[in-house]
Protein backbone atom coordinates (compact mmCIF):
# COMPACT_ATOMS: atom_id res chain seq x y z
CA MET A 1 10.22 19.80 -14.71
CA SER A 2 8.99 16.61 -12.54
CA PRO A 3 10.71 13.54 -12.44
CA GLU A 4 7.93 12.01 -14.99
CA GLU A 5 8.72 14.45 -17.58
CA GLY A 6 12.68 14.42 -17.33
CA ILE A 7 15.29 11.91 -17.74
CA ILE A 8 18.51 11.40 -16.28
CA LEU A 9 21.33 10.80 -18.80
CA ALA A 10 24.24 7.96 -17.56
CA LEU A 11 27.35 8.06 -19.76
CA ASP A 12 28.84 4.88 -19.34
CA GLU A 13 32.44 4.64 -20.84
CA GLY A 14 33.63 1.13 -20.81
CA THR A 15 36.74 -0.53 -22.15
CA THR A 16 35.66 -0.98 -25.99
CA THR A 17 32.21 0.62 -26.08
CA ALA A 18 30.82 4.28 -25.33
CA ARG A 19 27.14 3.62 -23.86
CA ALA A 20 24.49 6.39 -23.10
CA VAL A 21 21.57 5.65 -21.07
CA ALA A 22 18.29 7.51 -20.33
CA ILE A 23 16.67 6.60 -17.34
CA ASP A 24 13.25 8.19 -16.08
CA GLY A 25 11.93 8.68 -12.53
CA LYS A 26 10.47 5.14 -12.30
CA GLY A 27 13.79 3.88 -12.97
CA ALA A 28 12.98 2.82 -16.57
CA ILE A 29 15.16 2.59 -19.39
CA LYS A 30 14.00 4.89 -22.06
CA GLY A 31 16.72 4.90 -24.54
CA ILE A 32 20.13 3.45 -24.89
CA GLY A 33 23.04 4.40 -27.28
CA ARG A 34 26.08 2.35 -28.00
CA ARG A 35 29.26 3.19 -30.00
CA SER A 36 32.63 1.37 -30.13
CA PHE A 37 35.90 2.80 -30.40
CA PRO A 38 39.27 0.75 -31.20
CA GLN A 39 42.14 -0.24 -29.06
CA VAL A 40 45.59 0.05 -30.02
CA TYR A 41 48.30 -2.51 -29.31
CA PRO A 42 51.59 -0.77 -30.06
CA SER A 43 53.77 -3.87 -28.32
CA PRO A 44 52.97 -7.10 -26.83
CA GLY A 45 51.11 -6.59 -23.31
CA TRP A 46 50.55 -2.65 -24.31
CA VAL A 47 47.04 -1.66 -24.48
CA GLU A 48 46.15 1.95 -25.49
CA GLN A 49 43.25 4.27 -26.72
CA ASP A 50 42.97 7.34 -28.61
CA PRO A 51 41.36 9.77 -26.29
CA GLU A 52 39.67 11.76 -28.98
CA ALA A 53 38.07 8.49 -30.50
CA LEU A 54 36.91 7.82 -27.03
CA TRP A 55 35.13 11.04 -26.64
CA ARG A 56 33.52 10.95 -30.10
CA ALA A 57 32.04 7.82 -29.30
CA GLN A 58 30.51 9.21 -26.29
CA LEU A 59 29.12 11.98 -27.82
CA ARG A 60 27.44 9.95 -30.47
CA SER A 61 26.19 7.50 -28.03
CA VAL A 62 24.47 10.62 -26.02
CA ARG A 63 22.65 11.68 -29.58
CA ALA A 64 21.51 7.99 -30.08
CA SER A 65 20.01 7.45 -26.63
CA LEU A 66 18.38 10.85 -27.04
CA ARG A 67 16.76 9.79 -30.23
CA ALA A 68 16.07 6.27 -28.77
CA ALA A 69 14.24 8.21 -25.66
CA GLU A 70 12.41 10.82 -28.07
CA ALA A 71 13.90 13.43 -25.60
CA LYS A 72 15.89 16.43 -26.15
CA PRO A 73 18.70 18.06 -24.37
CA ARG A 74 16.27 20.24 -22.20
CA ASN A 75 14.60 17.06 -20.91
CA ILE A 76 17.94 16.06 -18.94
CA ILE A 77 17.55 16.55 -15.45
CA CYS A 78 21.33 15.60 -14.48
CA VAL A 79 23.87 13.34 -15.90
CA GLY A 80 25.86 10.55 -14.23
CA VAL A 81 29.14 9.34 -15.66
CA THR A 82 30.88 5.83 -14.63
CA ASN A 83 33.88 4.66 -16.45
CA GLN A 84 36.52 1.99 -17.36
CA ARG A 85 38.65 2.65 -14.05
CA GLU A 86 42.43 3.12 -14.04
CA THR A 87 42.75 3.90 -17.79
CA THR A 88 45.11 6.91 -17.52
CA VAL A 89 44.58 9.94 -19.50
CA ILE A 90 47.17 13.07 -19.48
CA TRP A 91 46.17 16.32 -21.64
CA GLU A 92 47.37 20.01 -21.90
CA LYS A 93 45.42 22.14 -19.35
CA HIS A 94 44.49 25.11 -21.90
CA THR A 95 43.66 23.20 -24.71
CA GLY A 96 42.25 19.72 -23.68
CA LYS A 97 44.52 18.13 -26.35
CA PRO A 98 45.75 14.50 -25.15
CA LEU A 99 49.31 14.42 -24.91
CA TYR A 100 49.55 10.75 -25.10
CA ASN A 101 47.18 8.08 -25.89
CA ALA A 102 45.18 6.92 -22.98
CA ILE A 103 46.73 3.80 -21.27
CA VAL A 104 44.27 1.33 -20.70
CA TRP A 105 43.83 -0.67 -17.29
CA GLN A 106 44.68 -3.79 -19.09
CA CYS A 107 48.27 -2.58 -20.37
CA ARG A 108 51.17 -4.21 -18.57
CA ARG A 109 54.06 -2.04 -19.54
CA THR A 110 54.63 -1.10 -16.09
CA ALA A 111 55.29 -4.78 -14.83
CA ASP A 112 58.83 -4.59 -14.07
CA ALA A 113 58.35 -1.22 -12.22
CA VAL A 114 55.29 -2.57 -10.16
CA GLU A 115 57.76 -5.60 -9.06
CA GLU A 116 59.92 -3.27 -7.67
CA MET A 117 57.36 -1.24 -5.88
CA ARG A 118 56.06 -4.50 -4.21
CA ARG A 119 59.73 -5.32 -3.03
CA GLU A 120 60.43 -2.31 -1.69
CA ASP A 121 56.94 -0.42 -0.81
CA LEU A 122 54.35 -3.12 -0.50
CA ARG A 123 53.22 -2.55 2.79
CA LEU A 124 52.97 1.35 2.62
CA PHE A 125 50.75 1.29 -0.68
CA LYS A 126 48.60 -1.84 0.69
CA GLU A 127 48.16 0.06 4.28
CA LYS A 128 47.38 3.46 2.79
CA THR A 129 45.34 2.47 -0.47
CA GLY A 130 43.96 -1.01 0.05
CA LEU A 131 45.47 -2.04 -3.10
CA ILE A 132 48.40 -4.33 -3.92
CA PRO A 133 50.73 -2.58 -6.49
CA ASP A 134 50.02 -3.97 -10.02
CA SER A 135 50.31 -2.26 -13.51
CA TYR A 136 46.49 -2.43 -13.45
CA PHE A 137 46.40 0.82 -11.37
CA SER A 138 46.75 4.26 -12.39
CA GLY A 139 49.88 5.61 -10.68
CA PRO A 140 52.39 3.47 -12.27
CA LYS A 141 51.08 4.78 -15.71
CA VAL A 142 51.24 8.06 -14.82
CA ALA A 143 54.89 7.68 -13.76
CA TRP A 144 55.79 6.08 -16.90
CA LEU A 145 54.23 8.88 -18.94
CA LEU A 146 56.32 11.34 -16.98
CA GLU A 147 59.45 9.37 -17.70
CA ASN A 148 58.82 8.43 -21.30
CA VAL A 149 56.58 11.55 -23.07
CA PRO A 150 59.19 14.19 -24.23
CA GLY A 151 58.75 17.48 -22.38
CA LEU A 152 55.63 16.22 -20.20
CA ARG A 153 57.43 16.38 -16.84
CA GLU A 154 58.55 20.09 -17.28
CA LYS A 155 54.76 20.80 -18.26
CA ALA A 156 53.38 18.80 -15.29
CA ALA A 157 55.73 21.17 -13.08
CA LYS A 158 54.27 24.17 -14.65
CA GLY A 159 50.82 23.09 -14.19
CA ASP A 160 50.06 23.00 -17.97
CA ALA A 161 49.26 19.16 -17.94
CA LEU A 162 46.36 17.21 -16.26
CA PHE A 163 45.92 13.88 -15.41
CA GLY A 164 42.58 12.02 -14.94
CA THR A 165 40.76 8.64 -15.10
CA VAL A 166 38.21 8.51 -18.12
CA ASP A 167 35.59 9.95 -15.87
CA THR A 168 37.64 12.94 -15.06
CA TYR A 169 38.39 13.54 -18.97
CA LEU A 170 35.10 13.33 -19.82
CA MET A 171 33.85 15.83 -17.47
CA TYR A 172 36.45 18.06 -18.59
CA ARG A 173 35.31 17.94 -22.15
CA LEU A 174 31.83 17.89 -21.19
CA THR A 175 32.25 21.33 -19.23
CA GLY A 176 34.62 22.99 -21.58
CA GLY A 177 37.45 22.60 -19.56
CA LYS A 178 35.88 24.08 -16.31
CA VAL A 179 35.77 21.10 -14.17
CA HIS A 180 39.06 18.75 -13.38
CA ALA A 181 37.82 16.45 -10.75
CA THR A 182 37.02 13.01 -9.99
CA ASP A 183 35.16 10.92 -7.23
CA TYR A 184 36.36 9.05 -4.45
CA SER A 185 35.78 5.47 -6.05
CA ASN A 186 38.07 6.26 -9.13
CA ALA A 187 40.65 7.99 -7.03
CA SER A 188 41.00 4.89 -4.88
CA ARG A 189 42.07 2.88 -8.02
CA THR A 190 45.07 4.99 -8.67
CA LEU A 191 48.01 3.81 -5.87
CA MET A 192 47.88 7.58 -5.14
CA PHE A 193 44.86 8.14 -2.76
CA ASN A 194 44.71 7.40 0.84
CA ILE A 195 41.36 5.89 1.41
CA HIS A 196 41.59 6.15 5.10
CA ARG A 197 41.88 10.38 5.03
CA LEU A 198 40.26 10.65 1.67
CA GLU A 199 42.89 12.60 -0.07
CA TRP A 200 45.91 12.37 -2.26
CA ASP A 201 48.81 11.21 -0.17
CA GLU A 202 52.22 12.90 -0.18
CA GLU A 203 54.12 9.74 0.53
CA LEU A 204 52.49 7.95 -2.39
CA LEU A 205 52.90 10.63 -4.71
CA GLU A 206 56.67 11.08 -3.71
CA ALA A 207 57.13 7.28 -4.07
CA LEU A 208 55.73 7.12 -7.45
CA GLY A 209 57.78 10.65 -8.53
CA VAL A 210 54.14 12.33 -9.50
CA PRO A 211 53.62 16.02 -8.85
CA GLY A 212 50.59 16.84 -7.27
CA ALA A 213 49.51 19.54 -9.66
CA LEU A 214 48.75 17.04 -12.01
CA LEU A 215 45.87 15.50 -9.85
CA PRO A 216 42.20 16.48 -10.35
CA GLU A 217 40.02 17.35 -7.03
CA ALA A 218 38.70 14.17 -5.35
CA LEU A 219 34.73 14.46 -4.29
CA PRO A 220 32.07 12.53 -3.40
CA SER A 221 30.18 10.31 -5.62
CA SER A 222 26.99 11.94 -5.24
CA THR A 223 27.49 15.73 -5.51
CA LEU A 224 27.37 18.71 -7.79
CA TYR A 225 30.41 18.74 -9.88
CA GLY A 226 29.62 21.32 -12.38
CA TYR A 227 27.64 22.19 -15.53
CA THR A 228 27.82 20.94 -19.22
CA ASP A 229 28.76 23.20 -21.97
CA PRO A 230 25.58 24.32 -23.79
CA LYS A 231 27.73 24.01 -27.07
CA ILE A 232 28.59 20.21 -26.15
CA LEU A 233 25.44 18.88 -24.92
CA GLY A 234 22.74 21.19 -26.25
CA ALA A 235 21.96 22.43 -22.63
CA SER A 236 23.60 23.64 -19.60
CA VAL A 237 22.75 20.15 -17.26
CA PRO A 238 24.36 19.49 -13.88
CA ILE A 239 26.73 16.72 -13.45
CA THR A 240 25.83 15.10 -10.22
CA GLY A 241 26.96 11.74 -9.81
CA VAL A 242 30.28 9.79 -10.65
CA ALA A 243 31.64 6.34 -9.90
CA GLY A 244 34.16 3.79 -11.56
CA ASP A 245 32.18 1.22 -13.11
CA GLN A 246 32.29 -1.68 -10.86
CA GLN A 247 31.42 0.65 -7.80
CA ALA A 248 28.68 2.08 -9.97
CA ALA A 249 27.20 -1.57 -10.43
CA LEU A 250 27.19 -2.54 -6.89
CA PHE A 251 24.89 0.84 -6.39
CA GLY A 252 23.00 -0.09 -9.32
CA HIS A 253 22.03 -3.49 -7.88
CA THR A 254 21.09 -1.55 -4.66
CA ALA A 255 23.60 -3.51 -2.66
CA PHE A 256 23.38 -0.82 0.02
CA THR A 257 23.75 -3.30 3.26
CA GLU A 258 26.91 -4.68 4.63
CA GLY A 259 27.74 -8.22 2.96
CA GLU A 260 25.77 -7.69 -0.34
CA SER A 261 27.87 -8.63 -3.27
CA LYS A 262 27.83 -8.53 -7.12
CA CYS A 263 29.60 -9.73 -9.90
CA THR A 264 30.11 -8.03 -13.35
CA TYR A 265 30.93 -9.68 -16.47
CA GLY A 266 32.52 -7.81 -19.03
CA THR A 267 35.87 -7.73 -20.53
CA GLY A 268 36.85 -9.17 -16.87
CA ASN A 269 35.06 -9.87 -14.10
CA PHE A 270 34.82 -7.65 -11.21
CA LEU A 271 33.33 -8.98 -7.55
CA LEU A 272 32.45 -6.35 -5.03
CA MET A 273 31.37 -6.81 -1.42
CA ASN A 274 29.63 -4.09 0.42
CA THR A 275 31.76 -3.84 3.75
CA GLY A 276 30.07 -0.74 5.20
CA PRO A 277 31.38 2.36 6.54
CA ARG A 278 34.73 1.38 7.63
CA PRO A 279 37.75 -0.35 5.09
CA ARG A 280 38.25 -4.04 5.89
CA ALA A 281 41.97 -5.26 5.32
CA SER A 282 42.40 -8.39 3.09
CA ARG A 283 45.48 -10.54 2.50
CA SER A 284 44.95 -11.27 -1.20
CA LEU A 285 41.62 -8.67 -2.33
CA LEU A 286 41.54 -5.08 -2.62
CA THR A 287 39.92 -2.78 -0.28
CA THR A 288 38.38 0.11 -2.06
CA VAL A 289 36.17 2.99 -1.61
CA ALA A 290 32.53 2.13 -3.00
CA TRP A 291 30.96 5.25 -2.97
CA GLY A 292 30.96 8.78 -1.14
CA LEU A 293 27.25 9.66 -0.45
CA GLY A 294 25.56 12.18 2.18
CA GLY A 295 28.57 13.13 3.98
CA GLY A 296 29.71 9.22 4.60
CA VAL A 297 31.72 6.82 2.58
CA THR A 298 30.96 2.92 2.19
CA TYR A 299 33.79 0.75 1.35
CA ALA A 300 34.06 -2.43 -0.61
CA LEU A 301 36.31 -5.52 -0.79
CA GLU A 302 37.08 -6.50 -4.46
CA GLY A 303 38.43 -9.07 -6.40
CA SER A 304 39.50 -8.21 -9.96
CA VAL A 305 39.66 -10.76 -12.85
CA PHE A 306 41.58 -9.28 -15.78
CA VAL A 307 40.16 -11.45 -18.65
CA THR A 308 37.04 -13.45 -18.96
CA GLY A 309 34.78 -12.07 -21.57
CA ALA A 310 38.10 -11.26 -23.35
CA THR A 311 38.68 -14.59 -23.71
CA VAL A 312 35.40 -15.19 -25.77
CA GLN A 313 36.49 -12.18 -28.02
CA TRP A 314 40.17 -13.81 -28.45
CA LEU A 315 38.33 -17.14 -29.63
CA ARG A 316 36.48 -15.13 -32.00
CA ASP A 317 38.90 -12.76 -33.15
CA SER A 318 42.25 -14.51 -33.16
CA LEU A 319 41.58 -18.25 -32.98
CA LYS A 320 38.43 -17.75 -35.08
CA ILE A 321 36.64 -21.03 -33.61
CA ILE A 322 33.51 -18.96 -33.11
CA ARG A 323 31.98 -15.96 -35.28
CA ASP A 324 30.39 -14.06 -32.59
CA ALA A 325 30.40 -14.29 -28.87
CA SER A 326 26.72 -15.73 -28.61
CA GLU A 327 27.83 -18.75 -30.60
CA SER A 328 30.00 -19.86 -27.31
CA GLU A 329 26.80 -20.80 -25.50
CA ALA A 330 25.64 -23.11 -28.44
CA LEU A 331 28.97 -24.68 -28.72
CA ALA A 332 29.22 -25.23 -24.99
CA GLN A 333 25.85 -26.94 -24.74
CA SER A 334 26.57 -29.33 -27.69
CA ILE A 335 28.82 -31.53 -25.37
CA ASN A 336 28.02 -32.96 -21.88
CA SER A 337 31.27 -31.83 -20.48
CA SER A 338 34.90 -30.04 -21.43
CA ASP A 339 36.40 -33.73 -20.94
CA GLY A 340 39.16 -32.77 -18.67
CA VAL A 341 39.95 -29.51 -21.20
CA TYR A 342 40.78 -26.51 -19.08
CA PHE A 343 41.61 -23.01 -20.08
CA VAL A 344 43.31 -20.78 -18.01
CA PRO A 345 42.97 -17.13 -19.70
CA ALA A 346 45.93 -15.43 -18.20
CA LEU A 347 46.32 -13.46 -21.43
CA THR A 348 47.48 -10.33 -19.33
CA GLY A 349 48.33 -11.99 -16.11
CA LEU A 350 46.39 -13.07 -13.47
CA GLY A 351 44.50 -10.50 -10.94
CA ALA A 352 42.98 -11.70 -7.67
CA PRO A 353 43.59 -13.99 -5.65
CA TYR A 354 46.95 -14.79 -7.59
CA TRP A 355 48.31 -11.29 -8.41
CA ASP A 356 50.81 -12.99 -10.93
CA GLN A 357 51.47 -10.49 -13.74
CA TYR A 358 53.79 -12.93 -15.62
CA ALA A 359 51.16 -15.93 -15.58
CA ARG A 360 50.47 -16.52 -19.42
CA GLY A 361 47.34 -18.32 -20.48
CA ALA A 362 47.08 -21.89 -21.16
CA ILE A 363 44.77 -24.88 -22.47
CA THR A 364 45.68 -28.12 -20.52
CA GLY A 365 43.96 -31.77 -20.99
CA ILE A 366 43.80 -31.71 -24.92
CA THR A 367 43.56 -34.75 -26.71
CA ARG A 368 43.36 -36.14 -30.11
CA GLY A 369 39.19 -36.00 -29.46
CA THR A 370 39.35 -32.32 -28.27
CA SER A 371 37.02 -29.92 -30.60
CA ARG A 372 36.23 -26.32 -30.71
CA ALA A 373 33.48 -27.03 -28.92
CA HIS A 374 35.54 -28.56 -25.77
CA ILE A 375 37.64 -25.40 -26.12
CA ALA A 376 34.70 -22.74 -25.88
CA ARG A 377 33.08 -24.95 -23.08
CA ALA A 378 36.44 -24.82 -20.93
CA ALA A 379 36.58 -21.02 -21.79
CA LEU A 380 33.01 -20.14 -20.25
CA GLU A 381 33.83 -22.52 -17.33
CA ALA A 382 36.95 -20.57 -16.94
CA ILE A 383 34.97 -17.47 -16.28
CA ALA A 384 32.91 -19.20 -13.52
CA TYR A 385 36.07 -20.81 -11.79
CA LEU A 386 37.94 -17.43 -11.67
CA THR A 387 34.98 -15.90 -10.03
CA ARG A 388 35.00 -19.01 -7.45
CA ASP A 389 38.37 -18.29 -6.44
CA VAL A 390 37.49 -14.55 -5.68
CA VAL A 391 34.35 -15.82 -3.72
CA GLU A 392 36.21 -18.20 -1.52
CA ALA A 393 38.97 -15.62 -0.88
CA MET A 394 36.21 -12.80 -0.11
CA ALA A 395 34.41 -15.04 2.45
CA GLU A 396 38.05 -15.92 3.87
CA ASP A 397 39.54 -12.87 4.35
CA SER A 398 36.10 -10.44 5.39
CA GLY A 399 34.52 -13.14 7.36
CA LEU A 400 31.17 -12.33 5.61
CA ASN A 401 29.67 -15.31 3.40
CA VAL A 402 28.15 -14.32 0.26
CA LYS A 403 24.87 -16.06 0.33
CA GLN A 404 23.63 -14.77 -3.15
CA LEU A 405 25.53 -13.24 -6.16
CA ARG A 406 23.76 -10.62 -8.20
CA VAL A 407 25.23 -10.33 -11.56
CA ASP A 408 25.45 -7.84 -14.33
CA GLY A 409 27.41 -7.15 -17.74
CA GLY A 410 27.12 -8.54 -21.22
CA ALA A 411 28.35 -12.02 -20.32
CA THR A 412 25.38 -12.55 -18.07
CA ARG A 413 23.06 -13.32 -21.36
CA ASN A 414 24.80 -16.43 -21.61
CA ASN A 415 22.66 -19.17 -19.80
CA PHE A 416 24.89 -21.79 -19.89
CA LEU A 417 27.64 -19.53 -18.08
CA MET A 418 25.00 -18.35 -15.50
CA GLN A 419 23.95 -21.84 -14.62
CA PHE A 420 27.38 -23.41 -14.52
CA GLN A 421 28.58 -20.37 -12.41
CA SER A 422 25.78 -21.33 -10.02
CA ASP A 423 26.76 -24.96 -10.08
CA ILE A 424 30.40 -24.47 -9.27
CA LEU A 425 29.95 -22.01 -6.60
CA GLY A 426 26.74 -23.68 -4.92
CA LEU A 427 25.06 -20.32 -4.51
CA PRO A 428 21.96 -18.79 -6.14
CA LEU A 429 22.71 -15.95 -8.89
CA VAL A 430 20.03 -13.07 -9.60
CA ARG A 431 20.11 -11.77 -12.86
CA PRO A 432 18.35 -8.75 -13.64
CA VAL A 433 16.03 -8.47 -16.87
CA ASP A 434 17.89 -5.45 -17.75
CA VAL A 435 21.55 -5.82 -17.25
CA GLU A 436 22.41 -2.31 -17.38
CA ALA A 437 23.45 -2.06 -13.56
CA THR A 438 26.64 0.20 -14.15
CA ALA A 439 24.83 2.80 -16.13
CA ARG A 440 21.84 2.52 -13.59
CA GLY A 441 24.31 3.21 -10.65
CA ALA A 442 25.49 6.25 -12.05
CA ALA A 443 21.81 7.60 -12.68
CA TYR A 444 21.02 6.66 -9.01
CA LEU A 445 24.29 8.56 -7.74
CA ALA A 446 23.13 11.59 -9.89
CA GLY A 447 19.51 11.41 -9.10
CA LEU A 448 19.83 11.40 -5.55
CA ALA A 449 22.43 14.71 -5.59
CA ALA A 450 19.74 16.51 -7.89
CA GLY A 451 16.61 15.39 -5.99
CA PHE A 452 15.28 13.07 -8.38
CA TRP A 453 14.94 10.60 -5.48
CA ASP A 454 14.96 11.26 -1.82
CA GLY A 455 17.12 8.15 -0.45
CA LEU A 456 18.05 4.88 -0.95
CA ASP A 457 14.80 3.57 0.29
CA ASP A 458 13.41 5.33 -2.86
CA LEU A 459 16.11 3.34 -4.89
CA ARG A 460 15.00 0.01 -3.42
CA SER A 461 11.44 0.33 -3.95
CA LEU A 462 11.86 0.91 -7.82
CA PRO A 463 10.65 -2.37 -9.88
CA ALA A 464 13.25 -4.64 -10.78
CA GLU A 465 12.36 -7.68 -12.63
CA ALA A 466 15.29 -10.57 -12.34
CA GLN A 467 15.64 -14.02 -12.85
CA GLU A 468 17.34 -16.92 -10.61
CA PHE A 469 19.62 -19.51 -11.60
CA ARG A 470 19.88 -21.96 -8.51
CA PRO A 471 22.77 -24.80 -8.28
CA ARG A 472 22.09 -28.09 -9.72
CA MET A 473 25.46 -29.86 -9.55
CA ASP A 474 26.12 -32.54 -6.54
CA ALA A 475 28.65 -31.74 -4.18
CA ASP A 476 31.35 -34.38 -5.56
CA THR A 477 31.21 -33.39 -9.13
CA ARG A 478 31.84 -29.66 -7.87
CA LYS A 479 34.57 -30.55 -5.65
CA THR A 480 36.38 -32.73 -8.77
CA LEU A 481 35.86 -30.02 -11.39
CA TYR A 482 37.30 -27.27 -9.12
CA GLY A 483 40.38 -29.50 -7.76
CA GLY A 484 40.92 -29.94 -11.74
CA TRP A 485 40.82 -26.15 -12.06
CA LYS A 486 43.18 -25.44 -9.57
CA GLU A 487 45.74 -27.96 -10.87
CA ALA A 488 45.63 -26.31 -14.21
CA VAL A 489 46.09 -22.56 -12.54
CA GLY A 490 49.08 -24.26 -10.75
CA ARG A 491 50.72 -24.77 -14.19
CA VAL A 492 50.84 -21.31 -15.27
CA THR A 493 51.45 -19.38 -12.06
CA HIS A 494 54.91 -18.29 -10.79
CA LYS A 495 53.99 -17.89 -7.26
CA ALA A 496 51.41 -18.93 -4.84
CA PRO A 497 48.31 -16.96 -4.16
CA HIS A 498 49.58 -13.89 -2.13
CA GLY A 499 48.58 -10.72 -0.20
CA ILE A 500 51.32 -8.90 1.94
């Protein structure tokens, strides 16, 4: 079957929505399926998901995407998988049955244990993994499960239990239990993977108390992982591309050159800069594997902002000052400024460059004249301020200047936010007409391994229509607004920005 006749199926398992995107040989999207699944909040700061609900949502999204593309399972050339990173699943090896709910990347239950890791082993983890220990990452979640799920440690010791991030869990289910693997990019987000040697690290596993028998095989991001079970997908299809969602988005933007950067606006904001074939140390950002491809590895610097789009959801679901997320744009544009109101959305702590997991959210500058429009506008502005925090740290730590920011994710549809982001950064933003960069990256990685495309130049040459936002704000206003933001952040943080 030629590329013109076939499609690549990209599975994009996000934090709240399972998506499947069918892409043809010209890079055109032929069909999209979406299914949401619920979050579980058993205690304050705890976030879980039912792995079975996640799996069912992904299967339904696949069927919907094939219907939209008017395609059959036999038309699928290969499958790419991209996923919410760090979310941790442990299941029974012989049955595939989850042994506990998935612990979501946002969950803060391991905060106290992580603080101890920072005090005792910060340099060890930072040097080997490129990460600053935080509840965000998978390793502490695995350690918590081993300590708190009855019988799990015994099962793990016997080899009867398996750990995986969501990509690993999906592949295990898709292949009928034949594949227990992950890619370098997802492995690099666990606090258990040595990003220099590209292997699970015994010293780190010992520090966390995690047995190596739990762990999947770590492979390049673009390679043959295995084949789908025909009973599940309707055909035996090779799985040939895997990457964590943020790395996949960087690849989907064809940011293949050192210094090229992107920011994904989703539940959180994630800014990645391609730093080339060698890991680059950073004081307050994360060094991560971007992808493994063609026998080589590309690294990235990353700044992770935990709560951005989730702030707008909070305005909708908890405060109920908007009916849907799109209403926030109209409210923000209904006034000329936020009138000194700042919203610091530290609803699950603060990520880069602050790394304060005990920070809590605040709205400052409220007066008698403050309306819901001011709060909605301040929430959107906070997304842009937090992104600038990361851009400035990235330029300082890398020595590379961000000249242009490529953007994707659902919140980029908000034109007010995109213009304010360009204004507060003083940089142009480039927004693709279709914002499916994450799924596109998974498809590109899969397609390269399957011979769908010949190389990176083929991907760069694919048509990509985009819109550009350029800064309109004068420098003095930019300085004043950002200064007010830094003062507001200072009111909620427990310590100054730090690395090691």
